[in-house]
Amino acid sequence: MKPNPLVFGIGQCSLDYIGLIPAYPPPDVKCEFSNLLIQCGGPVATALVALKRWGIHSHMAGVVGDDDSGTSILAALREEGIDATGIQIRAGKSSQFAFIVSEPSSARRTIFWQRPTGRPLQPEEIDAGILLKSKVLHLDGLFPEASVYACRKARRAGIPVVLDAGTLRDGMLELIRLSDCVVASEVFSRAFAETPEETCRRLAGMGVRFTGVTLGAKGYMALIDGRFIHKGAYLANAIDTTGCGDVFHAGLTYGMLQGWHAEKSLDLGAWAAARVSEQLGGRSGIPNAQDLQNRGFTDLPCQPETPA
């Protein structure tokens, strides 16, 4: 890996309120939650946090409001050492916000969220100078117009694009065609095709070399250069799956920067996601760089634990 690689991220940055419940309630009842945690999140923002903790410099482009939530979001990114100068502050608008309830008994979580109310990120607000110095462009598709602009610039410059396809939203298909690595959530896959295998094949048919679907406790499926890989999840005492997909994608981007083969990148993503699930909040359980080294995610091939 070259010294001081830079990942350019475009997408969601959120303030999350996370609580635990014994089971998701039926309608029209009161449900008490416990262990309230207030923590910042968002697919790209959390992935960049993981990458920074693993020694990778990152630049974040997105949108917040000029409210208290926006102040907290920016402060959290800066405290992690992420360059947040690409985040636009919309005057008089609200930042992205989420309330998340997690069920440790079933390792499920439900997210109620509101996107930022300000104008979406615009192409002219992307710092092309920083983008063209980056080694990977990492996206979640929330700002399609700005993301497509950045993808086209990145592709012309030979910069690989990693897309975290969490939801099949407007503009996502165009982004897919401009991406080198697309790993989708089960939610995306169900809206896109009948099976995860078909999702992988359809993504590959759109020109994506590295495709996959994360399957929660069932692990992941990937299709790389015509070959399927299907592995179960790492063992984990899961209490909250918030952020697991975000950190999984951080593992893919990290592996791409290191020049690893696909299996090792996927294994890092799966292992790191399992560790995240063992603590409340998407960032609390992110393993640090020493954890990665102890686990063998450096220059040596790694072997996963027996799947659950």
Protein backbone atom coordinates (compact mmCIF):
# COMPACT_ATOMS: atom_id res chain seq x y z
CA MET A 1 0.00 0.00 0.00
CA LYS A 2 1.33 3.44 -0.88
CA PRO A 3 1.87 5.90 1.98
CA ASN A 4 -1.06 8.00 3.10
CA PRO A 5 -3.78 6.79 0.74
CA LEU A 6 -6.91 8.90 0.60
CA VAL A 7 -10.51 7.69 0.38
CA PHE A 8 -13.05 10.21 -0.92
CA GLY A 9 -16.51 9.54 0.55
CA ILE A 10 -19.86 10.94 -0.60
CA GLY A 11 -23.05 10.16 1.26
CA GLN A 12 -24.92 10.03 4.50
CA CYS A 13 -23.81 11.41 7.85
CA SER A 14 -26.38 11.14 10.61
CA LEU A 15 -27.03 11.59 14.30
CA ASP A 16 -28.44 8.34 15.68
CA TYR A 17 -30.40 7.64 18.86
CA ILE A 18 -30.11 3.92 19.57
CA GLY A 19 -32.00 1.90 22.18
CA LEU A 20 -32.56 -1.74 23.08
CA ILE A 21 -35.97 -3.43 23.21
CA PRO A 22 -36.83 -7.07 24.04
CA ALA A 23 -38.96 -7.51 20.90
CA TYR A 24 -40.51 -5.29 18.25
CA PRO A 25 -43.98 -4.27 19.47
CA PRO A 26 -47.37 -4.59 17.75
CA PRO A 27 -49.23 -1.36 16.86
CA ASP A 28 -50.90 0.86 19.44
CA VAL A 29 -48.88 -0.20 22.49
CA LYS A 30 -46.16 1.38 24.61
CA CYS A 31 -42.71 -0.15 24.39
CA GLU A 32 -40.01 0.70 26.90
CA PHE A 33 -36.44 0.80 25.64
CA SER A 34 -33.16 0.83 27.55
CA ASN A 35 -29.46 1.65 27.12
CA LEU A 36 -30.00 4.82 25.11
CA LEU A 37 -26.89 5.71 23.09
CA ILE A 38 -26.48 8.88 21.06
CA GLN A 39 -23.88 8.33 18.37
CA CYS A 40 -23.22 9.58 14.86
CA GLY A 41 -23.72 7.24 11.93
CA GLY A 42 -24.43 6.96 8.21
CA PRO A 43 -23.10 4.35 5.77
CA VAL A 44 -20.27 6.37 4.25
CA ALA A 45 -19.45 8.35 7.39
CA THR A 46 -19.13 5.19 9.50
CA ALA A 47 -17.07 3.44 6.82
CA LEU A 48 -14.67 6.39 6.79
CA VAL A 49 -14.41 6.25 10.59
CA ALA A 50 -13.40 2.59 10.35
CA LEU A 51 -10.86 3.34 7.62
CA LYS A 52 -9.34 6.19 9.62
CA ARG A 53 -8.96 3.93 12.65
CA TRP A 54 -7.12 1.52 10.33
CA GLY A 55 -4.73 4.25 9.20
CA ILE A 56 -6.45 5.47 6.02
CA HIS A 57 -6.96 9.20 5.48
CA SER A 58 -10.47 10.17 4.37
CA HIS A 59 -12.39 13.14 2.99
CA MET A 60 -16.16 13.33 3.50
CA ALA A 61 -18.62 15.15 1.23
CA GLY A 62 -22.26 15.45 2.28
CA VAL A 63 -24.89 17.73 3.77
CA VAL A 64 -25.90 18.78 7.28
CA GLY A 65 -28.13 21.52 8.65
CA ASP A 66 -27.01 24.35 10.90
CA ASP A 67 -28.71 22.65 13.86
CA ASP A 68 -27.27 20.99 16.97
CA SER A 69 -27.28 17.62 15.19
CA GLY A 70 -25.12 19.01 12.40
CA THR A 71 -22.69 20.43 14.94
CA SER A 72 -22.44 17.00 16.60
CA ILE A 73 -21.98 15.20 13.27
CA LEU A 74 -19.15 17.48 12.19
CA ALA A 75 -17.47 17.36 15.59
CA ALA A 76 -17.54 13.55 15.64
CA LEU A 77 -15.93 13.31 12.20
CA ARG A 78 -13.23 15.82 13.09
CA GLU A 79 -12.51 14.02 16.36
CA GLU A 80 -11.87 10.88 14.31
CA GLY A 81 -9.42 12.80 12.12
CA ILE A 82 -11.59 12.84 9.00
CA ASP A 83 -11.44 15.82 6.66
CA ALA A 84 -15.02 17.10 6.82
CA THR A 85 -14.47 20.19 4.69
CA GLY A 86 -16.58 18.63 1.93
CA ILE A 87 -19.71 18.64 4.10
CA GLN A 88 -22.02 21.49 3.18
CA ILE A 89 -23.95 23.26 5.95
CA ARG A 90 -27.45 24.30 4.86
CA ALA A 91 -28.70 27.33 6.76
CA GLY A 92 -32.07 26.95 8.45
CA LYS A 93 -32.28 23.23 7.63
CA SER A 94 -32.20 19.99 9.63
CA SER A 95 -29.49 17.34 9.56
CA GLN A 96 -30.07 13.65 8.95
CA PHE A 97 -31.47 12.00 12.07
CA ALA A 98 -32.36 8.44 13.02
CA PHE A 99 -33.92 6.57 15.90
CA ILE A 100 -32.89 2.93 15.96
CA VAL A 101 -34.33 0.13 18.06
CA SER A 102 -32.28 -3.06 18.37
CA GLU A 103 -33.45 -6.49 19.53
CA PRO A 104 -30.50 -8.42 20.98
CA SER A 105 -32.57 -11.60 21.26
CA SER A 106 -32.93 -11.81 17.47
CA ALA A 107 -29.98 -9.61 16.35
CA ARG A 108 -32.40 -7.37 14.43
CA ARG A 109 -32.71 -3.63 14.33
CA THR A 110 -35.24 -1.19 12.91
CA ILE A 111 -34.25 2.27 11.71
CA PHE A 112 -36.57 5.28 11.56
CA TRP A 113 -34.76 8.07 9.76
CA GLN A 114 -35.14 11.46 8.14
CA ARG A 115 -32.82 12.60 5.38
CA PRO A 116 -31.30 16.11 5.64
CA THR A 117 -33.91 18.72 4.72
CA GLY A 118 -31.46 21.00 2.93
CA ARG A 119 -30.70 20.98 -0.79
CA PRO A 120 -28.91 17.76 -1.82
CA LEU A 121 -25.18 17.89 -2.45
CA GLN A 122 -24.52 19.42 -5.87
CA PRO A 123 -21.84 18.44 -8.40
CA GLU A 124 -20.17 21.85 -8.15
CA GLU A 125 -19.75 21.29 -4.40
CA ILE A 126 -17.45 18.30 -4.97
CA ASP A 127 -13.79 19.26 -4.53
CA ALA A 128 -12.41 17.76 -7.74
CA GLY A 129 -8.85 18.50 -6.71
CA ILE A 130 -9.13 16.31 -3.62
CA LEU A 131 -11.11 13.67 -5.51
CA LEU A 132 -8.43 13.29 -8.17
CA LYS A 133 -5.78 12.78 -5.47
CA SER A 134 -7.76 9.95 -3.89
CA LYS A 135 -7.19 6.22 -4.30
CA VAL A 136 -10.83 5.07 -3.91
CA LEU A 137 -14.22 6.76 -4.20
CA HIS A 138 -16.67 5.34 -1.62
CA LEU A 139 -20.43 6.01 -2.06
CA ASP A 140 -23.85 5.10 -0.66
CA GLY A 141 -25.96 6.73 -3.37
CA LEU A 142 -27.87 9.29 -1.28
CA PHE A 143 -26.83 12.22 -3.49
CA PRO A 144 -27.11 10.73 -6.99
CA GLU A 145 -26.36 13.82 -9.07
CA ALA A 146 -23.18 14.69 -7.19
CA SER A 147 -22.21 11.02 -6.97
CA VAL A 148 -22.58 10.43 -10.71
CA TYR A 149 -20.45 13.51 -11.37
CA ALA A 150 -17.76 12.20 -9.01
CA CYS A 151 -17.94 8.67 -10.46
CA ARG A 152 -17.35 9.93 -13.98
CA LYS A 153 -14.35 11.95 -12.88
CA ALA A 154 -13.00 9.02 -10.89
CA ARG A 155 -13.44 6.57 -13.77
CA ARG A 156 -11.62 8.87 -16.20
CA ALA A 157 -8.75 9.12 -13.71
CA GLY A 158 -8.61 5.36 -13.07
CA ILE A 159 -9.83 5.70 -9.47
CA PRO A 160 -11.92 2.66 -8.41
CA VAL A 161 -15.46 3.22 -7.13
CA VAL A 162 -17.00 1.26 -4.25
CA LEU A 163 -20.79 1.53 -3.89
CA ASP A 164 -22.65 0.50 -0.73
CA ALA A 165 -26.05 -0.30 -2.26
CA GLY A 166 -28.28 -0.27 0.79
CA THR A 167 -31.52 0.82 -0.89
CA LEU A 168 -32.68 0.77 -4.51
CA ARG A 169 -33.28 4.51 -4.71
CA ASP A 170 -33.44 6.97 -7.62
CA GLY A 171 -30.17 7.21 -9.52
CA MET A 172 -28.73 3.98 -8.13
CA LEU A 173 -28.73 2.10 -11.44
CA GLU A 174 -26.62 4.78 -13.12
CA LEU A 175 -24.18 4.70 -10.21
CA ILE A 176 -23.94 0.92 -10.46
CA ARG A 177 -22.86 1.17 -14.09
CA LEU A 178 -20.08 3.55 -13.03
CA SER A 179 -18.84 1.42 -10.12
CA ASP A 180 -16.11 -1.20 -9.81
CA CYS A 181 -17.37 -2.84 -6.61
CA VAL A 182 -21.06 -3.03 -5.65
CA VAL A 183 -22.11 -5.01 -2.59
CA ALA A 184 -25.82 -4.73 -1.81
CA SER A 185 -27.92 -5.26 1.29
CA GLU A 186 -30.64 -7.90 1.44
CA VAL A 187 -33.18 -5.07 1.24
CA PHE A 188 -31.68 -3.87 -2.03
CA SER A 189 -31.36 -7.41 -3.36
CA ARG A 190 -35.04 -8.26 -2.72
CA ALA A 191 -36.10 -5.12 -4.64
CA PHE A 192 -33.64 -5.80 -7.46
CA ALA A 193 -33.92 -9.55 -8.15
CA GLU A 194 -35.51 -12.74 -6.88
CA THR A 195 -32.40 -14.20 -5.25
CA PRO A 196 -28.98 -12.95 -4.07
CA GLU A 197 -27.39 -15.03 -6.84
CA GLU A 198 -29.49 -13.27 -9.45
CA THR A 199 -28.65 -9.90 -7.90
CA CYS A 200 -24.94 -10.68 -8.27
CA ARG A 201 -25.41 -11.80 -11.87
CA ARG A 202 -27.46 -8.74 -12.79
CA LEU A 203 -24.90 -6.41 -11.23
CA ALA A 204 -22.11 -8.20 -13.09
CA GLY A 205 -24.13 -7.87 -16.28
CA MET A 206 -24.12 -4.10 -15.74
CA GLY A 207 -20.34 -4.11 -15.94
CA VAL A 208 -19.44 -4.42 -12.24
CA ARG A 209 -16.39 -6.63 -11.69
CA PHE A 210 -16.85 -7.20 -7.92
CA THR A 211 -20.46 -7.81 -6.87
CA GLY A 212 -22.06 -9.19 -3.73
CA VAL A 213 -24.92 -9.25 -1.23
CA THR A 214 -24.59 -9.11 2.55
CA LEU A 215 -26.90 -11.62 4.24
CA GLY A 216 -26.76 -10.72 7.94
CA ALA A 217 -26.34 -13.78 10.13
CA LYS A 218 -26.08 -15.90 6.95
CA GLY A 219 -22.87 -14.16 5.93
CA TYR A 220 -22.42 -12.95 2.37
CA MET A 221 -22.45 -13.97 -1.26
CA ALA A 222 -20.15 -12.50 -3.90
CA LEU A 223 -19.47 -12.92 -7.59
CA ILE A 224 -15.99 -11.92 -8.71
CA ASP A 225 -14.71 -12.50 -12.22
CA GLY A 226 -17.37 -15.16 -12.86
CA ARG A 227 -16.77 -17.09 -9.62
CA PHE A 228 -19.27 -17.27 -6.73
CA ILE A 229 -18.11 -17.04 -3.11
CA HIS A 230 -20.60 -17.81 -0.32
CA LYS A 231 -19.47 -17.80 3.30
CA GLY A 232 -21.29 -17.73 6.61
CA ALA A 233 -20.97 -15.00 9.20
CA TYR A 234 -18.25 -14.92 11.82
CA LEU A 235 -19.28 -16.00 15.29
CA ALA A 236 -20.51 -13.05 17.35
CA ASN A 237 -22.49 -12.31 20.48
CA ALA A 238 -24.60 -9.81 18.54
CA ILE A 239 -26.67 -7.18 20.33
CA ASP A 240 -26.98 -4.49 17.66
CA THR A 241 -26.34 -4.79 13.91
CA THR A 242 -26.29 -1.02 13.30
CA GLY A 243 -23.26 -0.16 11.21
CA CYS A 244 -22.34 -3.73 10.31
CA GLY A 245 -22.86 -3.20 6.58
CA ASP A 246 -21.00 0.12 6.72
CA VAL A 247 -17.93 -1.47 8.28
CA PHE A 248 -18.18 -4.47 5.93
CA HIS A 249 -17.78 -2.04 3.05
CA ALA A 250 -14.89 -0.35 4.83
CA GLY A 251 -13.17 -3.74 4.75
CA LEU A 252 -13.65 -3.96 0.99
CA THR A 253 -12.20 -0.49 0.45
CA TYR A 254 -9.29 -1.22 2.77
CA GLY A 255 -8.51 -4.43 0.92
CA MET A 256 -8.67 -2.62 -2.40
CA LEU A 257 -6.11 -0.11 -1.15
CA GLN A 258 -3.88 -2.93 0.04
CA GLY A 259 -4.11 -4.78 -3.27
CA TRP A 260 -5.58 -7.89 -1.61
CA HIS A 261 -7.43 -10.66 -3.38
CA ALA A 262 -11.21 -10.51 -3.08
CA GLU A 263 -11.55 -13.28 -0.47
CA LYS A 264 -9.30 -11.52 2.00
CA SER A 265 -11.11 -8.21 1.59
CA LEU A 266 -14.46 -9.93 2.11
CA ASP A 267 -13.15 -11.74 5.17
CA LEU A 268 -11.96 -8.49 6.73
CA GLY A 269 -15.36 -6.92 6.10
CA ALA A 270 -17.21 -9.90 7.58
CA TRP A 271 -14.93 -10.16 10.63
CA ALA A 272 -15.06 -6.43 11.37
CA ALA A 273 -18.86 -6.38 10.96
CA ALA A 274 -19.18 -9.22 13.47
CA ARG A 275 -17.11 -7.28 15.99
CA VAL A 276 -19.29 -4.19 15.47
CA SER A 277 -22.45 -6.21 16.20
CA GLU A 278 -21.21 -7.04 19.70
CA GLN A 279 -21.56 -3.46 20.96
CA LEU A 280 -24.35 -0.90 20.83
CA GLY A 281 -23.97 1.60 18.00
CA GLY A 282 -22.31 1.38 14.62
CA ARG A 283 -18.96 2.80 15.73
CA SER A 284 -18.43 1.52 19.27
CA GLY A 285 -17.17 -1.91 18.25
CA ILE A 286 -15.04 -1.01 15.23
CA PRO A 287 -11.78 -2.90 15.70
CA ASN A 288 -8.61 -0.80 15.70
CA ALA A 289 -5.48 -1.18 13.59
CA GLN A 290 -3.78 -3.33 16.23
CA ASP A 291 -6.79 -5.66 16.25
CA LEU A 292 -6.42 -6.07 12.49
CA GLN A 293 -2.74 -6.84 12.84
CA ASN A 294 -3.36 -9.34 15.63
CA ARG A 295 -5.98 -11.05 13.49
CA GLY A 296 -3.63 -11.34 10.52
CA PHE A 297 -5.25 -8.76 8.25
CA THR A 298 -1.92 -7.33 7.16
CA ASP A 299 0.37 -9.15 4.74
CA LEU A 300 -0.69 -12.70 5.56
CA PRO A 301 -3.74 -14.59 4.25
CA CYS A 302 -6.52 -15.00 6.80
CA GLN A 303 -8.92 -17.81 7.57
CA PRO A 304 -12.41 -17.18 9.00
CA GLU A 305 -13.82 -18.89 12.03
CA THR A 306 -16.37 -21.66 11.63
CA PRO A 307 -19.59 -19.89 10.53
CA ALA A 308 -22.44 -19.68 13.02
